[in-house]
C-alpha atoms as a PDB file:
ATOM      1  CA  MET A   1     148.898  60.444 -19.609  1.00  0.00           C
ATOM      2  CA  SER A   2     150.323  63.454 -18.005  1.00  0.00           C
ATOM      3  CA  GLY A   3     148.245  65.698 -19.837  1.00  0.00           C
ATOM      4  CA  ARG A   4     144.905  63.951 -18.732  1.00  0.00           C
ATOM      5  CA  VAL A   5     146.263  64.081 -15.164  1.00  0.00           C
ATOM      6  CA  ALA A   6     146.742  67.919 -15.347  1.00  0.00           C
ATOM      7  CA  VAL A   7     143.258  68.295 -16.754  1.00  0.00           C
ATOM      8  CA  TYR A   8     141.887  66.153 -13.969  1.00  0.00           C
ATOM      9  CA  SER A   9     143.860  68.043 -11.517  1.00  0.00           C
ATOM     10  CA  LEU A  10     142.437  71.273 -12.904  1.00  0.00           C
ATOM     11  CA  LEU A  11     138.925  70.014 -12.999  1.00  0.00           C
ATOM     12  CA  LEU A  12     139.270  68.711  -9.362  1.00  0.00           C
ATOM     13  CA  PHE A  13     140.533  72.123  -8.190  1.00  0.00           C
ATOM     14  CA  TRP A  14     137.603  73.883 -10.195  1.00  0.00           C
ATOM     15  CA  LEU A  15     135.047  71.656  -8.331  1.00  0.00           C
ATOM     16  CA  THR A  16     136.777  72.252  -5.048  1.00  0.00           C
ATOM     17  CA  LEU A  17     136.659  76.201  -5.511  1.00  0.00           C
ATOM     18  CA  GLN A  18     133.005  75.676  -6.540  1.00  0.00           C
ATOM     19  CA  THR A  19     132.128  73.645  -3.495  1.00  0.00           C
ATOM     20  CA  ALA A  20     133.621  76.252  -1.237  1.00  0.00           C
ATOM     21  CA  THR A  21     131.872  79.125  -2.997  1.00  0.00           C
ATOM     22  CA  ALA A  22     128.419  77.337  -2.770  1.00  0.00           C
ATOM     23  CA  THR A  23     129.045  76.422   0.973  1.00  0.00           C
ATOM     24  CA  THR A  24     130.038  80.237   1.594  1.00  0.00           C
ATOM     25  CA  ASP A  25     126.784  81.330  -0.126  1.00  0.00           C
ATOM     26  CA  THR A  26     124.758  78.747   1.597  1.00  0.00           C
ATOM     27  CA  ALA A  27     126.106  79.992   5.035  1.00  0.00           C
ATOM     28  CA  ASP A  28     125.544  83.461   3.993  1.00  0.00           C
ATOM     29  CA  LYS A  29     122.044  82.886   3.204  1.00  0.00           C
ATOM     30  CA  ASP A  30     121.440  80.817   6.399  1.00  0.00           C
ATOM     31  CA  VAL A  31     122.894  83.684   8.820  1.00  0.00           C
ATOM     32  CA  ARG A  32     120.742  86.071   7.185  1.00  0.00           C
ATOM     33  CA  SER A  33     117.721  84.036   7.422  1.00  0.00           C
ATOM     34  CA  TRP A  34     118.420  83.319  11.158  1.00  0.00           C
ATOM     35  CA  LEU A  35     118.673  87.427  11.731  1.00  0.00           C
ATOM     36  CA  ARG A  36     115.434  87.978   9.954  1.00  0.00           C
ATOM     37  CA  SER A  37     113.834  85.326  12.139  1.00  0.00           C
ATOM     38  CA  MET A  38     115.265  86.956  15.102  1.00  0.00           C
ATOM     39  CA  VAL A  39     113.901  90.237  14.256  1.00  0.00           C
ATOM     40  CA  GLU A  40     110.385  88.798  14.015  1.00  0.00           C
ATOM     41  CA  SER A  41     110.640  86.731  16.990  1.00  0.00           C
ATOM     42  CA  VAL A  42     111.539  89.596  19.478  1.00  0.00           C
ATOM     43  CA  ARG A  43     108.753  91.690  17.929  1.00  0.00           C
ATOM     44  CA  ASN A  44     106.110  88.984  17.806  1.00  0.00           C
ATOM     45  CA  LEU A  45     106.660  86.408  20.465  1.00  0.00           C
ATOM     46  CA  ASN A  46     105.195  86.327  24.133  1.00  0.00           C
ATOM     47  CA  TYR A  47     108.173  85.669  26.555  1.00  0.00           C
ATOM     48  CA  GLN A  48     109.191  86.203  30.166  1.00  0.00           C
ATOM     49  CA  GLY A  49     112.268  85.506  31.759  1.00  0.00           C
ATOM     50  CA  THR A  50     115.464  86.668  33.759  1.00  0.00           C
ATOM     51  CA  PHE A  51     118.377  88.083  32.103  1.00  0.00           C
ATOM     52  CA  VAL A  52     121.804  89.472  33.328  1.00  0.00           C
ATOM     53  CA  TYR A  53     123.591  92.399  31.926  1.00  0.00           C
ATOM     54  CA  LEU A  54     127.244  92.645  32.241  1.00  0.00           C
ATOM     55  CA  HIS A  55     128.930  96.125  31.643  1.00  0.00           C
ATOM     56  CA  ASP A  56     131.757  98.027  33.017  1.00  0.00           C
ATOM     57  CA  ASN A  57     132.585  95.201  35.491  1.00  0.00           C
ATOM     58  CA  GLN A  58     128.916  95.756  37.010  1.00  0.00           C
ATOM     59  CA  LEU A  59     126.399  92.722  36.708  1.00  0.00           C
ATOM     60  CA  GLU A  60     122.603  93.810  36.685  1.00  0.00           C
ATOM     61  CA  SER A  61     119.807  91.299  36.970  1.00  0.00           C
ATOM     62  CA  MET A  62     116.584  92.222  35.203  1.00  0.00           C
ATOM     63  CA  GLN A  63     113.131  90.386  34.945  1.00  0.00           C
ATOM     64  CA  ILE A  64     111.207  90.845  31.354  1.00  0.00           C
ATOM     65  CA  VAL A  65     107.886  90.075  30.303  1.00  0.00           C
ATOM     66  CA  HIS A  66     106.878  90.864  26.681  1.00  0.00           C
ATOM     67  CA  THR A  67     103.461  90.361  25.192  1.00  0.00           C
ATOM     68  CA  VAL A  68     101.909  90.912  22.077  1.00  0.00           C
ATOM     69  CA  ASP A  69      98.002  90.854  21.443  1.00  0.00           C
ATOM     70  CA  ALA A  70      95.028  92.769  19.893  1.00  0.00           C
ATOM     71  CA  GLY A  71      95.904  95.619  22.157  1.00  0.00           C
ATOM     72  CA  GLY A  72      99.459  96.038  20.858  1.00  0.00           C
ATOM     73  CA  GLU A  73     102.792  95.298  22.151  1.00  0.00           C
ATOM     74  CA  ARG A  74     103.746  95.690  25.748  1.00  0.00           C
ATOM     75  CA  GLU A  75     106.960  95.199  27.734  1.00  0.00           C
ATOM     76  CA  ARG A  76     107.645  95.255  31.454  1.00  0.00           C
ATOM     77  CA  LEU A  77     111.277  95.365  32.998  1.00  0.00           C
ATOM     78  CA  VAL A  78     111.974  94.932  36.654  1.00  0.00           C
ATOM     79  CA  SER A  79     115.401  95.297  38.347  1.00  0.00           C
ATOM     80  CA  LEU A  80     116.482  92.337  40.652  1.00  0.00           C
ATOM     81  CA  ASN A  81     119.412  93.710  42.216  1.00  0.00           C
ATOM     82  CA  GLY A  82     120.839  97.264  42.912  1.00  0.00           C
ATOM     83  CA  ALA A  83     118.614 100.302  42.889  1.00  0.00           C
ATOM     84  CA  ALA A  84     115.005  99.268  42.652  1.00  0.00           C
ATOM     85  CA  ARG A  85     113.515 100.107  39.167  1.00  0.00           C
ATOM     86  CA  GLU A  86     110.487  99.298  36.972  1.00  0.00           C
ATOM     87  CA  ILE A  87     109.914 100.103  33.527  1.00  0.00           C
ATOM     88  CA  VAL A  88     106.762  99.469  31.569  1.00  0.00           C
ATOM     89  CA  ARG A  89     106.498 100.192  27.724  1.00  0.00           C
ATOM     90  CA  ASP A  90     103.545 100.145  25.221  1.00  0.00           C
ATOM     91  CA  ASP A  91     102.860 101.596  21.854  1.00  0.00           C
ATOM     92  CA  ALA A  92     102.301 104.945  23.351  1.00  0.00           C
ATOM     93  CA  SER A  93     104.215 105.578  26.460  1.00  0.00           C
ATOM     94  CA  VAL A  94     107.126 104.460  28.793  1.00  0.00           C
ATOM     95  CA  ILE A  95     106.683 104.669  32.533  1.00  0.00           C
ATOM     96  CA  CYS A  96     109.729 104.363  34.997  1.00  0.00           C
ATOM     97  CA  VAL A  97     108.987 104.031  38.646  1.00  0.00           C
ATOM     98  CA  ALA A  98     112.325 104.540  41.103  1.00  0.00           C
ATOM     99  CA  PRO A  99     110.950 103.595  44.519  1.00  0.00           C
ATOM    100  CA  ASP A 100     114.265 104.570  46.196  1.00  0.00           C
ATOM    101  CA  ALA A 101     113.901 108.115  44.918  1.00  0.00           C
ATOM    102  CA  ARG A 102     110.206 107.857  45.189  1.00  0.00           C
ATOM    103  CA  SER A 103     109.662 109.292  41.667  1.00  0.00           C
ATOM    104  CA  ILE A 104     107.782 108.131  38.580  1.00  0.00           C
ATOM    105  CA  SER A 105     108.252 109.575  35.291  1.00  0.00           C
ATOM    106  CA  VAL A 106     106.133 109.382  32.068  1.00  0.00           C
ATOM    107  CA  SER A 107     107.249 109.928  28.745  1.00  0.00           C
ATOM    108  CA  ARG A 108     106.197 109.374  24.938  1.00  0.00           C
ATOM    109  CA  GLY A 109     107.717 106.547  23.093  1.00  0.00           C
ATOM    110  CA  GLY A 110     106.975 102.718  22.571  1.00  0.00           C
ATOM    111  CA  VAL A 111     108.269  99.306  22.694  1.00  0.00           C
ATOM    112  CA  GLY A 112     110.516  99.891  19.887  1.00  0.00           C
ATOM    113  CA  GLY A 113     112.806 101.635  22.254  1.00  0.00           C
ATOM    114  CA  GLY A 114     113.108  98.980  24.863  1.00  0.00           C
ATOM    115  CA  PHE A 115     114.606  95.407  24.645  1.00  0.00           C
ATOM    116  CA  ARG A 116     113.364  95.034  21.043  1.00  0.00           C
ATOM    117  CA  ALA A 117     115.526  97.987  19.679  1.00  0.00           C
ATOM    118  CA  VAL A 118     118.652  96.077  20.413  1.00  0.00           C
ATOM    119  CA  PHE A 119     117.874  93.545  17.927  1.00  0.00           C
ATOM    120  CA  SER A 120     115.540  95.248  15.291  1.00  0.00           C
ATOM    121  CA  MET A 121     117.553  95.645  12.011  1.00  0.00           C
ATOM    122  CA  ASP A 122     117.522  95.759   8.356  1.00  0.00           C
ATOM    123  CA  ILE A 123     119.818  93.109   7.348  1.00  0.00           C
ATOM    124  CA  GLU A 124     120.079  93.979   3.610  1.00  0.00           C
ATOM    125  CA  ALA A 125     120.843  97.708   4.414  1.00  0.00           C
ATOM    126  CA  LEU A 126     123.616  96.397   6.947  1.00  0.00           C
ATOM    127  CA  SER A 127     125.607  94.171   4.779  1.00  0.00           C
ATOM    128  CA  GLU A 128     127.399  97.425   3.389  1.00  0.00           C
ATOM    129  CA  PHE A 129     129.064  97.855   6.686  1.00  0.00           C
ATOM    130  CA  TYR A 130     128.901  94.379   8.478  1.00  0.00           C
ATOM    131  CA  ASP A 131     129.614  90.757   7.587  1.00  0.00           C
ATOM    132  CA  PHE A 132     127.541  87.904   9.073  1.00  0.00           C
ATOM    133  CA  GLN A 133     128.703  84.576  10.107  1.00  0.00           C
ATOM    134  CA  LEU A 134     127.206  81.306  10.986  1.00  0.00           C
ATOM    135  CA  LEU A 135     129.164  79.922  13.978  1.00  0.00           C
ATOM    136  CA  ASN A 136     128.653  77.046  16.241  1.00  0.00           C
ATOM    137  CA  GLN A 137     125.747  75.407  18.181  1.00  0.00           C
ATOM    138  CA  VAL A 138     125.773  75.816  22.030  1.00  0.00           C
ATOM    139  CA  ARG A 139     123.227  75.876  24.924  1.00  0.00           C
ATOM    140  CA  VAL A 140     122.068  78.797  26.691  1.00  0.00           C
ATOM    141  CA  ALA A 141     119.700  78.993  29.803  1.00  0.00           C
ATOM    142  CA  GLY A 142     119.085  75.231  29.179  1.00  0.00           C
ATOM    143  CA  ARG A 143     118.101  75.639  25.446  1.00  0.00           C
ATOM    144  CA  ASP A 144     119.741  74.784  22.399  1.00  0.00           C
ATOM    145  CA  ALA A 145     121.084  77.874  20.420  1.00  0.00           C
ATOM    146  CA  GLN A 146     122.719  78.874  17.040  1.00  0.00           C
ATOM    147  CA  ALA A 147     125.355  81.394  17.380  1.00  0.00           C
ATOM    148  CA  VAL A 148     125.615  83.941  14.744  1.00  0.00           C
ATOM    149  CA  ALA A 149     128.273  86.936  14.396  1.00  0.00           C
ATOM    150  CA  ILE A 150     127.868  90.274  12.942  1.00  0.00           C
ATOM    151  CA  LEU A 151     131.414  91.867  12.174  1.00  0.00           C
ATOM    152  CA  PRO A 152     131.933  95.466  11.298  1.00  0.00           C
ATOM    153  CA  LYS A 153     133.928  96.061   8.103  1.00  0.00           C
ATOM    154  CA  ASP A 154     135.657  99.253   9.766  1.00  0.00           C
ATOM    155  CA  SER A 155     136.625 100.600  13.155  1.00  0.00           C
ATOM    156  CA  TYR A 156     133.550 102.908  13.572  1.00  0.00           C
ATOM    157  CA  ARG A 157     131.111 100.385  14.923  1.00  0.00           C
ATOM    158  CA  TYR A 158     131.309  97.235  17.429  1.00  0.00           C
ATOM    159  CA  GLY A 159     130.896  93.629  16.260  1.00  0.00           C
ATOM    160  CA  TYR A 160     128.126  91.347  17.970  1.00  0.00           C
ATOM    161  CA  ARG A 161     128.179  87.566  18.689  1.00  0.00           C
ATOM    162  CA  ILE A 162     124.288  86.391  19.139  1.00  0.00           C
ATOM    163  CA  PHE A 163     123.041  83.135  20.441  1.00  0.00           C
ATOM    164  CA  LEU A 164     119.734  82.469  18.883  1.00  0.00           C
ATOM    165  CA  ASP A 165     117.139  80.008  20.145  1.00  0.00           C
ATOM    166  CA  SER A 166     117.182  76.956  17.765  1.00  0.00           C
ATOM    167  CA  GLN A 167     113.316  76.633  17.740  1.00  0.00           C
ATOM    168  CA  ASN A 168     112.353  80.215  17.182  1.00  0.00           C
ATOM    169  CA  ALA A 169     115.640  82.590  16.664  1.00  0.00           C
ATOM    170  CA  LEU A 170     114.805  84.563  20.127  1.00  0.00           C
ATOM    171  CA  PRO A 171     118.092  85.910  21.371  1.00  0.00           C
ATOM    172  CA  LEU A 172     119.234  84.214  24.340  1.00  0.00           C
ATOM    173  CA  LYS A 173     122.809  85.787  24.813  1.00  0.00           C
ATOM    174  CA  THR A 174     124.325  88.905  23.156  1.00  0.00           C
ATOM    175  CA  ASP A 175     127.959  89.629  23.339  1.00  0.00           C
ATOM    176  CA  MET A 176     129.222  93.327  22.116  1.00  0.00           C
ATOM    177  CA  LEU A 177     132.839  92.941  20.700  1.00  0.00           C
ATOM    178  CA  ASP A 178     135.567  95.218  20.465  1.00  0.00           C
ATOM    179  CA  ALA A 179     138.179  95.208  17.655  1.00  0.00           C
ATOM    180  CA  ASP A 180     140.071  92.707  19.252  1.00  0.00           C
ATOM    181  CA  GLY A 181     136.933  90.306  19.725  1.00  0.00           C
ATOM    182  CA  THR A 182     136.807  91.059  23.222  1.00  0.00           C
ATOM    183  CA  ALA A 183     133.135  91.311  25.034  1.00  0.00           C
ATOM    184  CA  VAL A 184     132.871  94.812  26.242  1.00  0.00           C
ATOM    185  CA  SER A 185     129.162  94.078  27.274  1.00  0.00           C
ATOM    186  CA  GLN A 186     126.827  91.039  27.670  1.00  0.00           C
ATOM    187  CA  ILE A 187     123.220  90.338  27.998  1.00  0.00           C
ATOM    188  CA  MET A 188     122.276  86.653  28.848  1.00  0.00           C
ATOM    189  CA  PHE A 189     118.974  84.938  29.704  1.00  0.00           C
ATOM    190  CA  THR A 190     119.290  82.756  32.787  1.00  0.00           C
ATOM    191  CA  SER A 191     115.770  81.410  32.341  1.00  0.00           C
ATOM    192  CA  ILE A 192     113.116  82.152  29.878  1.00  0.00           C
ATOM    193  CA  LYS A 193     109.680  80.961  29.173  1.00  0.00           C
ATOM    194  CA  ILE A 194     108.161  81.388  25.671  1.00  0.00           C
ATOM    195  CA  GLU A 195     104.476  80.997  25.478  1.00  0.00           C
ATOM    196  CA  ALA A 196     101.878  81.670  23.060  1.00  0.00           C
ATOM    197  CA  ASP A 197      99.345  82.242  25.571  1.00  0.00           C
ATOM    198  CA  LEU A 198     101.268  84.351  28.100  1.00  0.00           C
ATOM    199  CA  ALA A 199      98.802  86.644  29.971  1.00  0.00           C
ATOM    200  CA  ARG A 200      99.285  90.302  28.941  1.00  0.00           C
ATOM    201  CA  THR A 201     101.820  92.111  31.143  1.00  0.00           C
ATOM    202  CA  GLU A 202     100.492  93.682  34.291  1.00  0.00           C
ATOM    203  CA  GLU A 203     100.223  97.429  34.954  1.00  0.00           C
ATOM    204  CA  SER A 204     102.909  98.670  37.218  1.00  0.00           C
ATOM    205  CA  ASP A 205     101.571  98.742  40.736  1.00  0.00           C
ATOM    206  CA  LEU A 206     101.142 102.467  41.569  1.00  0.00           C
ATOM    207  CA  ALA A 207      99.016 101.903  44.704  1.00  0.00           C
ATOM    208  CA  GLY A 208     100.652 103.679  47.888  1.00  0.00           C
ATOM    209  CA  ARG A 209     102.570 105.692  45.394  1.00  0.00           C
ATOM    210  CA  GLU A 210     100.493 108.879  45.263  1.00  0.00           C
ATOM    211  CA  ASN A 211     102.882 110.896  46.938  1.00  0.00           C
ATOM    212  CA  TYR A 212     105.685 110.165  44.738  1.00  0.00           C
ATOM    213  CA  HIS A 213     107.235 112.784  42.551  1.00  0.00           C
ATOM    214  CA  TRP A 214     105.603 112.531  39.008  1.00  0.00           C
ATOM    215  CA  VAL A 215     107.374 113.680  36.089  1.00  0.00           C
ATOM    216  CA  GLN A 216     106.100 114.286  32.642  1.00  0.00           C
ATOM    217  CA  ARG A 217     108.750 114.100  30.217  1.00  0.00           C
ATOM    218  CA  GLU A 218     108.185 115.471  26.698  1.00  0.00           C
ATOM    219  CA  THR A 219     110.384 114.601  23.786  1.00  0.00           C
ATOM    220  CA  GLY A 220     110.668 118.171  22.685  1.00  0.00           C
ATOM    221  CA  SER A 221     110.201 119.653  19.083  1.00  0.00           C
ATOM    222  CA  VAL A 222     111.372 117.754  16.213  1.00  0.00           C
ATOM    223  CA  ASN A 223     110.866 120.397  13.743  1.00  0.00           C
ATOM    224  CA  HIS A 224     112.715 123.386  15.504  1.00  0.00           C
ATOM    225  CA  PRO A 225     114.147 125.436  12.724  1.00  0.00           C
ATOM    226  CA  ALA A 226     117.395 126.013  14.608  1.00  0.00           C
ATOM    227  CA  LEU A 227     118.321 122.427  14.465  1.00  0.00           C
ATOM    228  CA  GLU A 228     118.175 122.790  10.497  1.00  0.00           C
ATOM    229  CA  ASP A 229     119.415 126.020  10.230  1.00  0.00           C
ATOM    230  CA  ASP A 230     122.278 126.651  12.966  1.00  0.00           C
ATOM    231  CA  TRP A 231     124.319 123.537  12.567  1.00  0.00           C
ATOM    232  CA  GLU A 232     125.652 121.258   9.753  1.00  0.00           C
ATOM    233  CA  ILE A 233     126.294 117.774  10.675  1.00  0.00           C
ATOM    234  CA  ASP A 234     125.864 115.350   7.871  1.00  0.00           C
ATOM    235  CA  LYS A 235     128.891 115.988   6.213  1.00  0.00           C
ATOM    236  CA  GLY A 236     132.019 114.228   7.667  1.00  0.00           C
ATOM    237  CA  LEU A 237     130.165 111.525   9.582  1.00  0.00           C
ATOM    238  CA  PRO A 238     131.670 107.963   9.444  1.00  0.00           C
ATOM    239  CA  GLN A 239     130.124 106.123   6.630  1.00  0.00           C
ATOM    240  CA  GLY A 240     126.770 104.631   7.275  1.00  0.00           C
ATOM    241  CA  TYR A 241     125.832 106.996  10.139  1.00  0.00           C
ATOM    242  CA  HIS A 242     122.851 109.223   9.584  1.00  0.00           C
ATOM    243  CA  ILE A 243     120.628 111.450  11.711  1.00  0.00           C
ATOM    244  CA  LYS A 244     117.391 109.628  12.696  1.00  0.00           C
ATOM    245  CA  LEU A 245     115.945 111.981  15.095  1.00  0.00           C
ATOM    246  CA  ARG A 246     116.186 115.801  16.089  1.00  0.00           C
ATOM    247  CA  THR A 247     114.935 117.082  19.370  1.00  0.00           C
ATOM    248  CA  GLN A 248     115.049 119.847  21.863  1.00  0.00           C
ATOM    249  CA  MET A 249     115.759 119.085  25.657  1.00  0.00           C
ATOM    250  CA  PRO A 250     115.415 121.423  28.634  1.00  0.00           C
ATOM    251  CA  ALA A 251     118.699 122.742  29.709  1.00  0.00           C
ATOM    252  CA  GLU A 252     119.814 121.892  33.311  1.00  0.00           C
ATOM    253  CA  ARG A 253     120.339 125.436  34.004  1.00  0.00           C
ATOM    254  CA  GLU A 254     118.377 128.514  32.939  1.00  0.00           C
ATOM    255  CA  GLY A 255     119.203 129.215  29.355  1.00  0.00           C
ATOM    256  CA  PRO A 256     118.184 127.765  25.801  1.00  0.00           C
ATOM    257  CA  PRO A 257     117.287 124.214  25.319  1.00  0.00           C
ATOM    258  CA  VAL A 258     119.844 121.727  24.319  1.00  0.00           C
ATOM    259  CA  SER A 259     119.687 120.407  20.744  1.00  0.00           C
ATOM    260  CA  HIS A 260     119.849 116.589  20.825  1.00  0.00           C
ATOM    261  CA  PHE A 261     120.480 114.522  17.889  1.00  0.00           C
ATOM    262  CA  VAL A 262     120.166 110.660  17.317  1.00  0.00           C
ATOM    263  CA  LEU A 263     122.688 108.852  14.975  1.00  0.00           C
ATOM    264  CA  SER A 264     122.397 105.548  13.677  1.00  0.00           C
ATOM    265  CA  ASP A 265     123.719 102.834  11.111  1.00  0.00           C
ATOM    266  CA  GLY A 266     120.853 100.729  11.382  1.00  0.00           C
ATOM    267  CA  LEU A 267     122.346  98.850  14.279  1.00  0.00           C
ATOM    268  CA  ALA A 268     124.691 101.036  16.327  1.00  0.00           C
ATOM    269  CA  SER A 269     123.486 104.432  17.639  1.00  0.00           C
ATOM    270  CA  LEU A 270     124.932 107.251  19.455  1.00  0.00           C
ATOM    271  CA  SER A 271     123.631 110.833  20.835  1.00  0.00           C
ATOM    272  CA  LEU A 272     124.959 114.216  19.898  1.00  0.00           C
ATOM    273  CA  TYR A 273     124.158 116.995  22.247  1.00  0.00           C
ATOM    274  CA  ILE A 274     125.014 120.631  21.466  1.00  0.00           C
ATOM    275  CA  GLU A 275     124.343 123.012  24.345  1.00  0.00           C
ATOM    276  CA  ASN A 276     124.907 126.635  24.700  1.00  0.00           C
ATOM    277  CA  GLY A 277     127.316 127.978  27.368  1.00  0.00           C
ATOM    278  CA  GLY A 278     130.348 125.335  26.487  1.00  0.00           C
ATOM    279  CA  SER A 279     132.574 128.343  27.167  1.00  0.00           C
ATOM    280  CA  ASP A 280     132.619 127.411  30.807  1.00  0.00           C
ATOM    281  CA  PRO A 281     135.918 125.809  31.532  1.00  0.00           C
ATOM    282  CA  GLU A 282     134.597 124.010  34.708  1.00  0.00           C
ATOM    283  CA  SER A 283     131.650 122.411  33.310  1.00  0.00           C
ATOM    284  CA  ALA A 284     132.933 121.697  29.569  1.00  0.00           C
ATOM    285  CA  LEU A 285     133.948 118.082  28.489  1.00  0.00           C
ATOM    286  CA  ILE A 286     137.067 118.354  26.266  1.00  0.00           C
ATOM    287  CA  GLY A 287     138.260 115.357  24.841  1.00  0.00           C
ATOM    288  CA  GLY A 288     137.584 111.609  25.266  1.00  0.00           C
ATOM    289  CA  SER A 289     136.024 109.476  28.070  1.00  0.00           C
ATOM    290  CA  ARG A 290     134.815 105.970  28.624  1.00  0.00           C
ATOM    291  CA  ILE A 291     132.782 103.634  30.803  1.00  0.00           C
ATOM    292  CA  GLY A 292     132.735 100.293  29.716  1.00  0.00           C
ATOM    293  CA  ALA A 293     131.422  99.906  26.070  1.00  0.00           C
ATOM    294  CA  VAL A 294     130.126 103.592  26.314  1.00  0.00           C
ATOM    295  CA  ASN A 295     132.486 106.460  24.723  1.00  0.00           C
ATOM    296  CA  ALA A 296     132.073 110.118  24.952  1.00  0.00           C
ATOM    297  CA  PHE A 297     133.994 113.043  23.192  1.00  0.00           C
ATOM    298  CA  GLY A 298     133.541 116.601  23.738  1.00  0.00           C
ATOM    299  CA  ARG A 299     134.664 119.600  22.406  1.00  0.00           C
ATOM    300  CA  VAL A 300     133.933 123.515  22.340  1.00  0.00           C
ATOM    301  CA  THR A 301     133.079 125.753  19.384  1.00  0.00           C
ATOM    302  CA  ASP A 302     131.734 129.206  19.502  1.00  0.00           C
ATOM    303  CA  GLY A 303     130.589 129.030  22.977  1.00  0.00           C
ATOM    304  CA  TYR A 304     128.719 125.720  22.546  1.00  0.00           C
ATOM    305  CA  GLN A 305     129.454 122.238  24.192  1.00  0.00           C
ATOM    306  CA  ILE A 306     129.240 119.623  21.411  1.00  0.00           C
ATOM    307  CA  THR A 307     129.254 116.072  23.024  1.00  0.00           C
ATOM    308  CA  ALA A 308     128.924 112.809  21.477  1.00  0.00           C
ATOM    309  CA  VAL A 309     128.070 109.649  23.497  1.00  0.00           C
ATOM    310  CA  GLY A 310     127.032 106.321  22.866  1.00  0.00           C
ATOM    311  CA  ALA A 311     127.878 102.438  22.727  1.00  0.00           C
ATOM    312  CA  VAL A 312     130.185 102.764  19.853  1.00  0.00           C
ATOM    313  CA  PRO A 313     134.097 103.046  19.569  1.00  0.00           C
ATOM    314  CA  ALA A 314     136.026 106.037  20.823  1.00  0.00           C
ATOM    315  CA  ALA A 315     136.805 106.905  17.121  1.00  0.00           C
ATOM    316  CA  THR A 316     133.176 106.987  16.389  1.00  0.00           C
ATOM    317  CA  VAL A 317     132.062 109.635  19.013  1.00  0.00           C
ATOM    318  CA  GLU A 318     135.177 111.688  18.199  1.00  0.00           C
ATOM    319  CA  ARG A 319     134.468 111.981  14.484  1.00  0.00           C
ATOM    320  CA  VAL A 320     130.893 112.652  14.957  1.00  0.00           C
ATOM    321  CA  ALA A 321     131.861 115.462  17.388  1.00  0.00           C
ATOM    322  CA  ALA A 322     134.275 116.911  14.766  1.00  0.00           C
ATOM    323  CA  ALA A 323     131.670 116.649  12.014  1.00  0.00           C
ATOM    324  CA  VAL A 324     129.766 119.432  13.758  1.00  0.00           C
ATOM    325  CA  ARG A 325     129.798 122.821  12.003  1.00  0.00           C
ATOM    326  CA  HIS A 326     128.323 126.207  12.925  1.00  0.00           C
ATOM    327  CA  ASN A 327     126.716 127.678   9.888  1.00  0.00           C
ATOM    328  CA  SER A 328     127.430 131.194  11.113  1.00  0.00           C
ATOM    329  CA  ARG A 329     131.102 130.719  10.298  1.00  0.00           C
END
């Protein structure tokens, strides 16, 4: 009898393990499905609403209208508090209007760099650096939502807690989390309408603004040889981070342009700037600096100012800045 009891106990234990594993696998599959639906919803749905952005003890309120039709994708953002600002993005350009400064800037780019950029990701590629978890169900902006978590496997990236609309997986609230699980920034809709027949976003009202200062911003040359030949950057980067963009930017003072690199792991991103003249001790940034979720780290090498900055942990910008090597040495 005792032998049968032992066999039965082992069988029960094995079944318990199998059930737990199956539940974990199902939850993992479910959370990935939610995140894939989120990526599609942010890109393809028509929606308008008001959201608040909390960062560095400051609260910003923004109005957003996002539409997709035969003419492409379009997004309009209008600030509701603080300095008046308006941003209109489409597939070809970005227009920024600053009434207080009486200025309008136009640059190349597209909606991919706007609200959608925060929620565009390759789930399978990210699984090497993040864990995904299905959390509880809550209500946000008067709508039922499913909470999911994206948690980093190391200290070189923040985590995320995202609350997705139960009907269409549109993100209604997003918390960026530090290593302690504390929110370092938050984006949350306070009201939102999701409508299939939402009218295309209107053009920014430029009437009466003919006397504004207009600035045409160019993204710079992506294939400048100095970016490839003068600096070695790829070696020594935190695992998963790769250079996504290389450009040249005009210097604030007379002198050679500033080399600008954008690095990303597919979710987190940061900028790296290399500027000649870093030997000036009054203007050089040496060491770390932080404002809210954004960290920066600077150092000077061979007369160049090296600065890494982005919404990533302090360890990330420090390691990226340290990875830069001048090929002449």
